[in-house]
Structure formats: structure tokens, C-alpha cells
Amino acid sequence: QVQLVESGGGLVQAGGSLRLSCAASGRTFSSFAMGWFRQAPGKERDFVAAISWSGGSTYYADSVKGRFTISRDNNKNTLYLQMNSLKPEDTAVYYCAADSSFRRRVVTGIRLGDFGSWGQGTQVTVSS
């Protein structure tokens, strides 16, 4: 199992930026794809972005493409989500998650059910 702890959430005005971090421990971070999801009040948890174990493959939800960037530093066991041009509809609790499959090369089409470990979430609020 891997333990995941998100940080970096907060309150920001529309058009602003935030960078989320997810610190991993307990399992070889570098061997597993990682993802970000978000959940707004009263809604289902939605996919945001994913990155392969090597960082060579990334995948984004259409709603964030061109505004958000997922990255990872395997030396620091940390996953990142750079969020630019934030909109009020980006308001949600953001979760990082670790893939259950070893060394998934391509993350295009990866789904919520593919992830087996989750962090506790960090709140992002975008004011208009």
C-alpha cells in the first residue's frame, strides 16, 4: 500500500493559479502511474489528469486541458498539479490517487476504478 498526502489547496480568485502537491510513502512511487481527481459537493468524483510511472504519458479531462499540468518528481516521491486560469467551476476537493497496476505505460483512458490508493483530499475554492 502507498500513503498519499495532498497539500497546496486554498482560496483563489478566478483567473489565478495554484499548485497542488501529493507526497507518497510506503511503496515504490516511481513504479506506478498517478492521477488527480476532484469532487464538488453533491457530485461524483471526476477524473482530472493522470501521468504514467515514467512521466512519458499524460492524460487530461477535456475540462482542464490547456489549463492544468500534471507532473511528478520520482526522486522526491511527489506528484504535482499546476492549475492555471482557474474558474469557479474548478471548485472541489482534489484527490491524488495511485494506480493499482505496475508500470502502466500509457494512461490515456485510465479510469477511477484503476486506482487503488487515495489521499484525503485538499480543498480548492475559486471565487468569481
Foldseek 3Di string as FASTA:
>chain_A
DKAKAKDWADEEAAQAKTKMKIAIDDDQLLFWKKFKWWDAPPGDIGGAKIAFSPRPEIDGDPVQPPFKDWDDDSVRRMIMIIGGRDDQVVWTWMKMFTFPDTGDPYCVPPDPVRTDDIYPTDTHGYHD
